[in-house]
Structures are given as C-alpha cells and as structure tokens.
Amino acid sequence: MSMTASPQQLADGSREELAAIDLVGQRVHFVGIGGCGMSGLARLAQQRGAICTGTDRADSLTVAALRDSGIAVSLDQTSQSVPDDCDLMVISAAIKADHPELAEADRRGVSIVKYAQLLGRLMIGCTGVAIAGTHGKSTTTSLLSHVLISCGLDPSLIVGAECKQIGGGWRVGAGDLLVAEACEYDRSFCYFHPEHAVILNIEEDHLDMYKGIDDIVEAFADFTRLLPRDGSLLVNHEMPHRLAVSGALHCVVETIGFAPQADWRVQMDSPTGRSTPALLYNKGKLVAAWASTLPGEHMAYNAAVAAVTAHRLGVTWDGISQAIGTFEGLDRRMQRLGQRTLKGGRVVVVDDYGHHPTEIDTTLRALRQHYQPRQLVCVFQPHQHSRTLFLLEQFAASFSEADQVIVPEIFFVRDSEQERHKVRAADLVDRLRQGGKKAMHLHPLKAIVEQLELITWGDGDLLVTMGAGNVWQVARDFLGPQ
C-alpha cells in the first residue's frame, strides 16, 4: 500500500484510505492564514517540507510571527495573490465559495482542501490525539498540551485559542505526538485520523448546518468510527448520547465523569482560598489529586480528561498532578484581565468566550462561587443569528447568576441576510426582562462602556464580558491602559 498521497489525491478523494500526504517541495498557499488553527497548520506543513505562503484580511502579531518564520503573508486577497507555482490551496472555514483566491485556484486547476482535511492527513504517521465536544475543547487541549510539555514530551499541537504556556495556539514538536482540537462544525473532525479521541460532551449547536441533535450525534458517531482497533475513546459518562457514539466501537472505550459508575471519576473538595482541590479515581482507586486556580466543576472535569489522556500517552500521575497545578488558563476562558478603581470601589474584570447557553450558565456559576461578588454584570454578545434564534429560550434562562445583563448587537457571521432579519438582540432582552432579569440592549460597544461607568460600583463587583465576537473590546476599553 502506498503511504503517501499527492495534493491532487488529497483534494479529489482518490487517495488510499490511510495514505499520508507528501508535502516536501510542495507550494502550499493558506487563505485565512492568520487564524489560530490555520497559522499552526502552516507551521506543521512547513516542518513537513512544504514551501508555504498565505493571505489574511488584516495584519496581526500572528501574521508578523509567520513572516519571521519565513512564510510570506500578503494582506491582498485577490486572484493575483495565488502564487504562480501553487500546488495546493488550503482554506479556512471562514472562506466563502466566491472568494477571489478560491476562484482563481479553481480556474487554474489547483488542488483545494479545507483546513481539517490537511490536518487529518498530517495525523497519519503520528500518534494523533483529537479532543472533541460542544464545550471545553480549547481548554482541555491546552491543558493536555501543557501536561505533555511539562513532563518532557515534545508534542506538536493545534488549539483554537491562545495559551501562553504552550506557546500560543500551536506548537511544532520533534516527537511523534500530534494533539489537535477537533471541531464538529461542517463535520470537520470526520477528516481526522486520530489514534486516541475524547468526547467531552454533546449538545445542540451549529444548527445552521445540522438538522437537530440526532444529526449532531450521528456526526460524532462518524468521528469515533475513525478510531483504529488499537486506539482509545474517552467519553463523558453522564452524557445521554454516550452509547450512540461508542456502542459499536472495537477500540478501548472508557467513561469519565462525576458519577461513581464512571471508569474515571472526578471529585471536587471544598474550595480552599483561590484554589479548588480535585481528586481522580480509577475504578474506586485514587490515582491523582491537584489544586487548580481555575474555578468550576467544568474545569475540574476538563483537567481530569487531560490527566487520563496524558497517562494513556505514558506520563506519570505525579507529573500530571504537578503540571495541572501550574496551569494558568488560556485567553478568553474565564480570563481575569485586571481591575479598575471607581468612586464606589474596585471592579474585577473577566473576559470569556462562552457563546452557548450551557457555557454561559456554567461559567457564571463558577465565577459567582469563586469571586462571590456583590454585583455581577454580564455583557453578552450573541454570536450568529441562527444560533440565537434556535436557542433563544435557553439563552434567556442561562443568566440566572447575573444581576444585570447588557446585550449588544448580534455578531453577524456565516448566516444569510435572510436569517439576520429573523431575530434581534432586543428579542433576547425582552425574554430576560420577562423573566425578571435586569437587562438592556445597547449599541455600539462604546455606548456600553459609557453605561458601565454610570452604574454604581462597589468593592468586589464583577464585570464579565462574554461571547465569541469582539465583545472583549468592552472589557479592554473599560479597564483602559494597564
């Protein structure tokens, strides 16, 4: 069997089932190279011998770093941006079908693949580890990567968020480990070829492309069927869809959760100061314990998943416990940005990426317990009109821990103009107010900052900005120069 595939075979599906891709000397062009995942993928391709170029819409520190590493990046996304000798074009999920570079590559007959297709092929020949789930993928992937690096392994990795302790959102290691966040959007994770996989949880999301929860569960089942017989799956024990995604597998399947019946059981002790002790049991036997500065049961669960996966990859329990205890978190995941002193006292400011009702509820509960604020004000920016419409009632119920909620305009991405007119931010505010919650709709973001400064603040108050769009600007502007 041939163990290599050309760019053309990769693009047209004529490759053999387990063929790796040979990138040595290939000219690979990345459209949307400035994103966390795409920039990391370009580095991996460069390591495999590819000559890489790319384009993006705006300059950034990521783009500057790519240029410093020898990857030419242009901010001119036109047909002329495609190199004359391009062998393979890689596109991010944000690239639409009418993009000029995509059209030019198609006109020339250049092979075109999605980000996940190339990443999946790069897993072949490595020990691939894929972290999937509706929530917690970035945190768990970062935690696992931090443990592996801290304990002397040298993994390559790609994460959909910035984590300073692991070098950002990507890393090119010398070992054979490749750790990657596996996203269900557009069924991207079905292009992967992992040896080990994790399913953290499954809920309704991305309903602009999935018909409903049954369709989502089937996609996760397709993902797990990619695992080889000598591979493994770690799956949430309490998840109602556990058997649907793991019942027919021939690899090792283990469960993890808080229930005593789980193969791996997580237990949280009472918080001590600013840390939360966590215990991990395997079939009733205590195997690891650590104290985390990251609040919440969901963070203890994510850490436990990382611990079990790291142990499967050969790391000792002592090393795992020590490494988890030093993990400082990642950008936009319950990230404490600082505090501001106003007339009434000091206000702590936290920023979070949460954009799904479950994430909002879980995060606000954890922050409430951790900070015990006098007043918790949440500025929540809905992300996607379709998600907001489908989950409107769930969103309205997810802010029980907030004292006040401010909602800017819905962040418009991927949806059609038709869907844009089906729901407004004011609809969410109406539902919140009907439920007795103090809520208001404000636009633009600058007006929210001005409103926040008018609110009576006292010592111990907490401001939380949440959402997958640009709502983080509110937190930064409110804090001012630090």
Protein backbone atom coordinates (compact mmCIF):
# COMPACT_ATOMS: atom_id res chain seq x y z
CA MET A 1 0.00 0.00 0.00
CA SER A 2 1.27 3.46 -0.84
CA MET A 3 1.80 5.55 2.29
CA THR A 4 1.89 8.91 0.52
CA ALA A 5 -0.67 10.94 -1.38
CA SER A 6 -0.26 13.89 -3.71
CA PRO A 7 -2.08 17.20 -3.16
CA GLN A 8 -4.39 16.27 -6.03
CA GLN A 9 -5.29 12.92 -4.42
CA LEU A 10 -5.93 14.67 -1.14
CA ALA A 11 -8.28 17.13 -2.81
CA ASP A 12 -10.27 14.79 -5.03
CA GLY A 13 -10.69 11.89 -2.62
CA SER A 14 -8.85 9.37 -4.83
CA ARG A 15 -6.27 8.66 -2.13
CA GLU A 16 -5.96 5.33 -0.37
CA GLU A 17 -7.65 5.06 2.99
CA LEU A 18 -4.60 5.55 5.20
CA ALA A 19 -2.30 7.44 2.84
CA ALA A 20 -0.13 10.16 4.31
CA ILE A 21 0.49 13.27 2.25
CA ASP A 22 3.95 14.12 0.95
CA LEU A 23 4.50 17.89 1.20
CA VAL A 24 8.23 18.01 0.55
CA GLY A 25 8.90 20.73 -2.00
CA GLN A 26 5.18 21.43 -2.49
CA ARG A 27 3.99 25.06 -2.76
CA VAL A 28 1.12 25.32 -0.28
CA HIS A 29 -0.95 28.52 -0.06
CA PHE A 30 -3.16 29.21 3.01
CA VAL A 31 -6.18 31.52 2.63
CA GLY A 32 -7.04 32.92 6.06
CA ILE A 33 -3.62 32.07 7.47
CA GLY A 34 -3.90 34.48 10.41
CA GLY A 35 -6.27 32.34 12.46
CA CYS A 36 -5.06 30.20 15.38
CA GLY A 37 -5.62 26.90 13.61
CA MET A 38 -4.52 27.94 10.14
CA SER A 39 -1.29 29.55 11.33
CA GLY A 40 -0.40 26.42 13.29
CA LEU A 41 -1.23 24.20 10.32
CA ALA A 42 1.05 26.30 8.12
CA ARG A 43 3.89 25.75 10.61
CA LEU A 44 3.27 21.99 10.58
CA ALA A 45 3.23 21.95 6.78
CA GLN A 46 6.48 23.94 6.74
CA GLN A 47 8.03 21.39 9.11
CA ARG A 48 6.98 18.60 6.70
CA GLY A 49 8.93 20.27 3.90
CA ALA A 50 6.29 22.47 2.24
CA ILE A 51 7.05 25.94 0.89
CA CYS A 52 4.24 27.94 2.47
CA THR A 53 2.58 31.26 1.65
CA GLY A 54 -0.68 32.79 2.76
CA THR A 55 -3.09 35.71 2.88
CA ASP A 56 -5.28 37.28 5.53
CA ARG A 57 -7.56 40.29 5.87
CA ALA A 58 -5.56 42.19 8.46
CA ASP A 59 -2.12 42.44 9.99
CA SER A 60 -1.61 40.90 13.43
CA LEU A 61 1.04 39.54 15.76
CA THR A 62 0.32 36.10 14.32
CA VAL A 63 0.94 37.33 10.78
CA ALA A 64 4.17 39.02 11.90
CA ALA A 65 5.36 35.79 13.54
CA LEU A 66 4.60 33.80 10.38
CA ARG A 67 6.67 36.23 8.33
CA ASP A 68 9.52 35.97 10.81
CA SER A 69 9.49 32.19 10.33
CA GLY A 70 9.91 32.54 6.56
CA ILE A 71 6.27 32.24 5.49
CA ALA A 72 5.31 35.07 3.13
CA VAL A 73 1.91 36.57 4.06
CA SER A 74 0.01 39.11 1.95
CA LEU A 75 -2.95 41.24 3.05
CA ASP A 76 -4.14 41.47 -0.55
CA GLN A 77 -6.74 38.74 -1.02
CA THR A 78 -7.21 38.85 -4.80
CA SER A 79 -6.70 36.46 -7.68
CA GLN A 80 -3.17 37.83 -8.07
CA SER A 81 -2.31 36.64 -4.55
CA VAL A 82 -2.25 32.98 -5.60
CA PRO A 83 1.39 32.01 -6.36
CA ASP A 84 2.08 31.04 -9.96
CA ASP A 85 3.55 27.69 -8.90
CA CYS A 86 0.90 26.84 -6.29
CA ASP A 87 0.41 23.07 -5.82
CA LEU A 88 -2.15 23.10 -3.04
CA MET A 89 -4.52 25.70 -1.59
CA VAL A 90 -5.76 25.34 2.00
CA ILE A 91 -8.83 27.34 3.04
CA SER A 92 -10.21 28.13 6.49
CA ALA A 93 -13.87 27.59 7.40
CA ALA A 94 -14.48 31.32 7.02
CA ILE A 95 -13.65 31.36 3.30
CA LYS A 96 -16.76 31.56 1.12
CA ALA A 97 -17.21 29.89 -2.26
CA ASP A 98 -16.97 33.18 -4.17
CA HIS A 99 -13.62 34.19 -2.64
CA PRO A 100 -11.34 35.51 -5.44
CA GLU A 101 -8.36 33.35 -4.48
CA LEU A 102 -10.54 30.25 -4.39
CA ALA A 103 -11.99 31.11 -7.80
CA GLU A 104 -8.52 31.63 -9.25
CA ALA A 105 -7.24 28.32 -7.90
CA ASP A 106 -10.28 26.57 -9.34
CA ARG A 107 -9.70 28.23 -12.73
CA ARG A 108 -6.10 27.01 -12.80
CA GLY A 109 -6.93 23.51 -11.60
CA VAL A 110 -5.02 23.91 -8.35
CA SER A 111 -5.91 21.32 -5.69
CA ILE A 112 -8.08 22.90 -2.94
CA VAL A 113 -8.62 21.42 0.53
CA LYS A 114 -10.11 22.55 3.80
CA TYR A 115 -8.08 23.09 6.95
CA ALA A 116 -9.39 19.90 8.56
CA GLN A 117 -8.57 17.76 5.51
CA LEU A 118 -4.90 18.65 5.57
CA LEU A 119 -4.66 18.40 9.37
CA GLY A 120 -6.23 14.95 9.23
CA ARG A 121 -3.65 13.74 6.73
CA LEU A 122 -0.82 15.14 8.81
CA MET A 123 -2.03 12.94 11.68
CA ILE A 124 -1.18 9.81 9.74
CA GLY A 125 2.21 8.52 10.80
CA CYS A 126 1.87 10.32 14.15
CA THR A 127 0.22 9.42 17.41
CA GLY A 128 -2.80 11.59 16.82
CA VAL A 129 -4.94 12.81 19.73
CA ALA A 130 -8.24 14.58 18.97
CA ILE A 131 -10.30 16.45 21.59
CA ALA A 132 -13.96 16.83 20.57
CA GLY A 133 -17.12 18.12 22.22
CA THR A 134 -19.57 21.01 22.15
CA HIS A 135 -17.82 22.74 25.07
CA GLY A 136 -14.33 22.76 26.57
CA LYS A 137 -12.25 21.67 23.57
CA SER A 138 -9.74 24.51 23.66
CA THR A 139 -9.25 24.37 27.42
CA THR A 140 -8.82 20.60 27.53
CA THR A 141 -6.48 20.55 24.53
CA SER A 142 -4.38 23.29 26.12
CA LEU A 143 -4.33 21.52 29.48
CA LEU A 144 -3.26 18.24 27.87
CA SER A 145 -0.58 20.01 25.85
CA HIS A 146 0.72 21.79 28.97
CA VAL A 147 0.96 18.48 30.84
CA LEU A 148 2.78 16.75 27.98
CA ILE A 149 5.27 19.59 27.57
CA SER A 150 5.84 19.97 31.32
CA CYS A 151 6.51 16.24 31.65
CA GLY A 152 9.18 16.13 28.98
CA LEU A 153 7.27 15.04 25.90
CA ASP A 154 7.62 17.17 22.78
CA PRO A 155 4.22 17.24 21.04
CA SER A 156 3.04 19.17 18.04
CA LEU A 157 -0.31 20.77 18.68
CA ILE A 158 -3.05 22.97 17.28
CA VAL A 159 -5.57 24.73 19.54
CA GLY A 160 -8.34 27.15 18.63
CA ALA A 161 -7.30 29.67 21.29
CA GLU A 162 -4.22 31.39 22.67
CA CYS A 163 -2.46 29.78 25.63
CA LYS A 164 0.81 31.46 26.51
CA GLN A 165 2.14 28.49 28.49
CA ILE A 166 2.16 26.25 25.42
CA GLY A 167 3.48 28.90 23.04
CA GLY A 168 0.17 30.26 21.74
CA GLY A 169 -2.32 28.26 19.69
CA TRP A 170 0.18 25.94 18.02
CA ARG A 171 3.46 24.16 18.54
CA VAL A 172 5.75 22.16 16.28
CA GLY A 173 7.47 19.46 18.32
CA ALA A 174 10.11 16.88 17.50
CA GLY A 175 8.13 13.96 18.90
CA ASP A 176 5.53 11.84 17.11
CA LEU A 177 2.60 13.24 19.12
CA LEU A 178 0.09 15.50 17.35
CA VAL A 179 -2.62 16.91 19.63
CA ALA A 180 -5.49 18.78 18.00
CA GLU A 181 -8.83 20.33 18.86
CA ALA A 182 -11.49 18.54 16.81
CA CYS A 183 -14.44 20.74 15.85
CA GLU A 184 -17.80 19.33 14.78
CA TYR A 185 -18.70 22.37 12.66
CA ASP A 186 -19.05 21.35 8.99
CA ARG A 187 -18.22 17.80 10.22
CA SER A 188 -14.57 18.88 10.15
CA PHE A 189 -13.45 16.26 12.65
CA CYS A 190 -14.52 13.49 10.28
CA TYR A 191 -11.39 14.24 8.22
CA PHE A 192 -9.14 13.39 11.18
CA HIS A 193 -7.19 10.17 11.73
CA PRO A 194 -6.55 10.00 15.48
CA GLU A 195 -5.35 7.04 17.49
CA HIS A 196 -6.88 8.47 20.66
CA ALA A 197 -10.01 10.60 20.94
CA VAL A 198 -12.06 12.35 23.59
CA ILE A 199 -15.72 13.40 23.53
CA LEU A 200 -16.25 15.91 26.31
CA ASN A 201 -20.00 16.44 25.76
CA ILE A 202 -22.61 16.74 23.01
CA GLU A 203 -25.33 19.38 22.79
CA GLU A 204 -27.33 21.22 20.17
CA ASP A 205 -25.18 23.80 18.37
CA HIS A 206 -24.28 24.83 14.82
CA LEU A 207 -27.93 24.42 13.89
CA ASP A 208 -27.29 26.42 10.74
CA MET A 209 -25.83 23.21 9.29
CA TYR A 210 -27.22 20.39 11.47
CA LYS A 211 -30.90 19.39 11.40
CA GLY A 212 -31.02 18.75 15.14
CA ILE A 213 -29.46 16.77 17.97
CA ASP A 214 -29.84 13.41 16.20
CA ASP A 215 -27.88 14.73 13.23
CA ILE A 216 -25.18 16.05 15.57
CA VAL A 217 -24.91 12.73 17.42
CA GLU A 218 -24.54 10.90 14.12
CA ALA A 219 -21.66 13.18 13.16
CA PHE A 220 -19.91 12.38 16.46
CA ALA A 221 -20.53 8.68 15.83
CA ASP A 222 -18.90 9.01 12.41
CA PHE A 223 -15.94 10.67 14.12
CA THR A 224 -15.48 7.85 16.64
CA ARG A 225 -15.63 5.23 13.88
CA LEU A 226 -12.34 6.66 12.58
CA LEU A 227 -10.52 5.20 15.59
CA PRO A 228 -8.37 2.11 14.96
CA ARG A 229 -8.80 -1.13 16.93
CA ASP A 230 -5.67 -0.40 18.96
CA GLY A 231 -6.84 3.16 19.69
CA SER A 232 -8.98 4.53 22.50
CA LEU A 233 -12.00 6.70 23.21
CA LEU A 234 -12.61 8.59 26.46
CA VAL A 235 -16.24 9.70 26.66
CA ASN A 236 -18.43 11.62 29.10
CA HIS A 237 -20.17 9.08 31.35
CA GLU A 238 -23.21 11.25 32.13
CA MET A 239 -23.83 12.21 28.52
CA PRO A 240 -27.17 10.78 27.29
CA HIS A 241 -25.71 10.06 23.85
CA ARG A 242 -22.72 8.05 25.12
CA LEU A 243 -23.82 4.65 23.81
CA ALA A 244 -24.95 6.08 20.48
CA VAL A 245 -21.42 7.28 19.72
CA SER A 246 -19.42 4.45 21.29
CA GLY A 247 -21.53 1.31 21.39
CA ALA A 248 -20.27 -0.29 18.16
CA LEU A 249 -16.56 0.51 18.55
CA HIS A 250 -13.82 -2.13 18.75
CA CYS A 251 -11.19 0.08 20.38
CA VAL A 252 -10.79 0.66 24.11
CA VAL A 253 -13.74 2.77 25.37
CA GLU A 254 -13.70 4.29 28.86
CA THR A 255 -16.03 6.76 30.54
CA ILE A 256 -15.24 9.76 32.72
CA GLY A 257 -17.46 11.94 34.88
CA PHE A 258 -18.66 12.67 38.40
CA ALA A 259 -20.85 9.56 38.77
CA PRO A 260 -19.50 6.64 40.86
CA GLN A 261 -20.21 4.28 37.96
CA ALA A 262 -17.76 6.05 35.61
CA ASP A 263 -14.48 4.28 34.81
CA TRP A 264 -12.73 7.51 35.79
CA ARG A 265 -14.47 9.54 38.50
CA VAL A 266 -13.78 13.18 39.28
CA GLN A 267 -14.43 14.51 42.77
CA MET A 268 -14.13 18.11 43.92
CA ASP A 269 -13.33 19.03 47.50
CA SER A 270 -14.44 22.31 49.06
CA PRO A 271 -12.56 25.31 47.62
CA THR A 272 -9.52 26.40 49.61
CA GLY A 273 -8.85 30.12 49.18
CA ARG A 274 -8.48 30.76 45.47
CA SER A 275 -7.84 27.11 44.52
CA THR A 276 -10.15 24.13 44.01
CA PRO A 277 -8.81 20.71 45.04
CA ALA A 278 -9.79 17.87 42.70
CA LEU A 279 -9.42 14.10 43.04
CA LEU A 280 -9.37 11.48 40.27
CA TYR A 281 -10.34 7.85 40.86
CA ASN A 282 -9.99 4.85 38.55
CA LYS A 283 -12.43 2.07 39.41
CA GLY A 284 -12.55 3.26 43.01
CA LYS A 285 -8.80 3.78 43.45
CA LEU A 286 -7.40 7.28 43.97
CA VAL A 287 -4.76 7.88 41.28
CA ALA A 288 -4.23 11.66 41.21
CA ALA A 289 -5.03 14.89 43.02
CA TRP A 290 -4.33 18.53 42.25
CA ALA A 291 -5.32 22.05 43.24
CA SER A 292 -6.39 24.30 40.37
CA THR A 293 -6.73 28.07 40.37
CA LEU A 294 -9.37 27.74 37.62
CA PRO A 295 -12.84 27.69 39.22
CA GLY A 296 -15.76 25.43 38.48
CA GLU A 297 -16.68 21.77 38.13
CA HIS A 298 -16.30 22.02 34.38
CA MET A 299 -12.65 23.00 34.78
CA ALA A 300 -12.04 20.07 37.15
CA TYR A 301 -13.66 17.78 34.56
CA ASN A 302 -11.55 19.20 31.72
CA ALA A 303 -8.40 18.75 33.81
CA ALA A 304 -9.35 15.15 34.62
CA VAL A 305 -9.85 14.37 30.92
CA ALA A 306 -6.42 15.83 30.19
CA ALA A 307 -4.94 13.78 33.04
CA VAL A 308 -6.36 10.45 31.85
CA THR A 309 -5.30 11.13 28.26
CA ALA A 310 -1.77 12.14 29.31
CA HIS A 311 -1.46 8.98 31.39
CA ARG A 312 -2.53 6.89 28.40
CA LEU A 313 0.32 8.55 26.49
CA GLY A 314 2.85 7.49 29.13
CA VAL A 315 3.00 10.34 31.67
CA THR A 316 3.19 9.50 35.39
CA TRP A 317 0.42 10.50 37.77
CA ASP A 318 2.80 12.56 39.89
CA GLY A 319 3.96 14.51 36.85
CA ILE A 320 0.38 15.03 35.72
CA SER A 321 -0.79 16.35 39.10
CA GLN A 322 2.12 18.78 39.37
CA ALA A 323 1.61 20.08 35.81
CA ILE A 324 -2.14 20.65 36.20
CA GLY A 325 -1.49 22.60 39.38
CA THR A 326 0.66 25.06 37.42
CA PHE A 327 -1.76 25.61 34.52
CA GLU A 328 -2.68 29.29 34.28
CA GLY A 329 -5.50 29.08 31.75
CA LEU A 330 -5.87 30.50 28.28
CA ASP A 331 -7.09 33.68 26.69
CA ARG A 332 -10.83 34.39 26.84
CA ARG A 333 -11.66 31.43 29.12
CA MET A 334 -12.65 32.98 32.45
CA GLN A 335 -9.61 35.20 31.93
CA ARG A 336 -9.10 37.79 34.65
CA LEU A 337 -7.98 40.91 32.81
CA GLY A 338 -7.50 43.13 35.83
CA GLN A 339 -9.44 45.56 37.97
CA ARG A 340 -10.46 49.19 37.84
CA THR A 341 -10.97 51.52 40.77
CA LEU A 342 -14.05 53.74 40.53
CA LYS A 343 -15.69 56.07 43.01
CA GLY A 344 -17.54 53.22 44.71
CA GLY A 345 -14.62 50.82 44.85
CA ARG A 346 -12.74 48.23 42.82
CA VAL A 347 -14.29 46.31 39.93
CA VAL A 348 -12.79 43.00 38.79
CA VAL A 349 -13.00 42.43 35.02
CA VAL A 350 -13.19 38.94 33.47
CA ASP A 351 -13.47 38.02 29.79
CA ASP A 352 -14.85 34.73 28.43
CA TYR A 353 -15.51 33.14 25.04
CA GLY A 354 -18.78 31.48 26.10
CA HIS A 355 -21.44 31.75 23.40
CA HIS A 356 -23.73 28.77 24.10
CA PRO A 357 -26.38 28.69 26.88
CA THR A 358 -24.68 25.84 28.73
CA GLU A 359 -21.34 27.63 28.63
CA ILE A 360 -22.89 30.86 29.91
CA ASP A 361 -24.69 29.16 32.79
CA THR A 362 -21.69 27.04 33.81
CA THR A 363 -19.22 29.91 33.60
CA LEU A 364 -21.33 32.43 35.51
CA ARG A 365 -21.99 29.89 38.27
CA ALA A 366 -18.27 29.18 38.59
CA LEU A 367 -17.41 32.88 38.67
CA ARG A 368 -20.13 33.60 41.22
CA GLN A 369 -18.81 30.89 43.53
CA HIS A 370 -15.16 31.89 43.01
CA TYR A 371 -15.40 35.68 43.35
CA GLN A 372 -18.60 35.92 45.43
CA PRO A 373 -19.27 39.40 44.03
CA ARG A 374 -21.64 41.97 45.48
CA GLN A 375 -22.88 42.57 41.93
CA LEU A 376 -22.23 40.58 38.74
CA VAL A 377 -22.79 42.47 35.49
CA CYS A 378 -22.55 40.44 32.29
CA VAL A 379 -22.13 42.00 28.85
CA PHE A 380 -23.14 39.19 26.49
CA GLN A 381 -22.76 39.42 22.72
CA PRO A 382 -24.81 36.76 20.90
CA HIS A 383 -22.82 35.00 18.16
CA GLN A 384 -24.68 34.10 14.96
CA HIS A 385 -28.30 34.94 14.33
CA SER A 386 -29.21 31.31 13.62
CA ARG A 387 -27.80 30.12 16.97
CA THR A 388 -29.59 32.94 18.80
CA LEU A 389 -32.91 32.11 17.14
CA PHE A 390 -32.72 28.34 17.67
CA LEU A 391 -31.63 28.61 21.33
CA LEU A 392 -33.39 31.84 22.34
CA GLU A 393 -35.29 30.38 25.30
CA GLN A 394 -32.20 28.54 26.56
CA PHE A 395 -30.19 31.76 26.34
CA ALA A 396 -32.85 33.60 28.34
CA ALA A 397 -32.60 31.00 31.11
CA SER A 398 -28.80 30.90 31.26
CA PHE A 399 -28.17 34.21 33.08
CA SER A 400 -29.61 33.30 36.48
CA GLU A 401 -26.31 34.15 38.22
CA ALA A 402 -26.05 37.63 36.67
CA ASP A 403 -27.52 40.66 38.42
CA GLN A 404 -27.60 42.73 35.22
CA VAL A 405 -27.20 41.77 31.56
CA ILE A 406 -26.26 44.13 28.74
CA VAL A 407 -26.71 42.83 25.19
CA PRO A 408 -25.05 44.50 22.17
CA GLU A 409 -25.92 43.69 18.55
CA ILE A 410 -25.73 40.04 17.50
CA PHE A 411 -22.32 39.28 15.98
CA PHE A 412 -23.04 38.59 12.30
CA VAL A 413 -21.04 35.68 10.90
CA ARG A 414 -21.74 32.85 8.43
CA ASP A 415 -25.53 33.43 8.38
CA SER A 416 -27.52 34.69 5.41
CA GLU A 417 -29.12 38.12 5.27
CA GLN A 418 -32.49 36.37 5.49
CA GLU A 419 -31.56 34.79 8.83
CA ARG A 420 -30.16 38.10 10.00
CA HIS A 421 -33.67 39.57 9.99
CA LYS A 422 -35.34 36.71 11.88
CA VAL A 423 -34.03 37.64 15.33
CA ARG A 424 -32.66 40.72 17.11
CA ALA A 425 -30.66 41.32 20.27
CA ALA A 426 -33.76 43.07 21.63
CA ASP A 427 -35.64 39.74 21.46
CA LEU A 428 -33.22 38.24 23.97
CA VAL A 429 -33.50 41.32 26.19
CA ASP A 430 -37.31 41.01 26.12
CA ARG A 431 -37.11 37.37 27.24
CA LEU A 432 -34.70 38.26 30.04
CA ARG A 433 -36.89 41.10 31.30
CA GLN A 434 -39.99 38.89 31.15
CA GLY A 435 -38.12 36.52 33.47
CA GLY A 436 -37.45 39.32 35.96
CA LYS A 437 -33.83 39.93 34.99
CA LYS A 438 -32.44 43.46 34.69
CA ALA A 439 -31.40 43.69 31.05
CA MET A 440 -30.87 46.26 28.33
CA HIS A 441 -29.80 46.43 24.70
CA LEU A 442 -27.08 48.94 23.79
CA HIS A 443 -25.23 49.76 20.58
CA PRO A 444 -22.43 50.45 19.70
CA LEU A 445 -19.85 48.86 22.02
CA LYS A 446 -18.57 52.29 23.05
CA ALA A 447 -22.01 53.10 24.45
CA ILE A 448 -21.81 50.02 26.65
CA VAL A 449 -18.53 51.23 28.13
CA GLU A 450 -20.13 54.59 28.86
CA GLN A 451 -23.12 52.89 30.51
CA LEU A 452 -20.88 50.70 32.66
CA GLU A 453 -19.18 53.78 34.05
CA LEU A 454 -22.58 55.15 35.12
CA ILE A 455 -23.52 52.05 37.09
CA THR A 456 -22.93 52.32 40.85
CA TRP A 457 -19.97 50.08 41.59
CA GLY A 458 -18.73 48.89 44.97
CA ASP A 459 -15.82 46.85 46.24
CA GLY A 460 -15.96 43.27 45.00
CA ASP A 461 -18.19 43.92 41.99
CA LEU A 462 -17.55 41.79 38.92
CA LEU A 463 -17.83 42.68 35.23
CA VAL A 464 -17.90 39.75 32.80
CA THR A 465 -17.79 40.15 29.02
CA MET A 466 -18.89 37.04 27.12
CA GLY A 467 -19.16 35.99 23.50
CA ALA A 468 -17.22 34.68 20.52
CA GLY A 469 -17.20 38.01 18.68
CA ASN A 470 -15.48 41.29 19.51
CA VAL A 471 -17.17 41.94 22.87
CA TRP A 472 -13.74 41.65 24.53
CA GLN A 473 -13.19 45.25 23.37
CA VAL A 474 -15.70 46.38 26.01
CA ALA A 475 -13.60 44.85 28.79
CA ARG A 476 -10.36 46.32 27.43
CA ASP A 477 -11.86 49.78 26.94
CA PHE A 478 -13.48 49.75 30.38
CA LEU A 479 -10.16 48.90 32.02
CA GLY A 480 -8.22 51.47 30.00
CA PRO A 481 -4.40 51.44 29.86
CA GLN A 482 -2.98 48.88 32.31
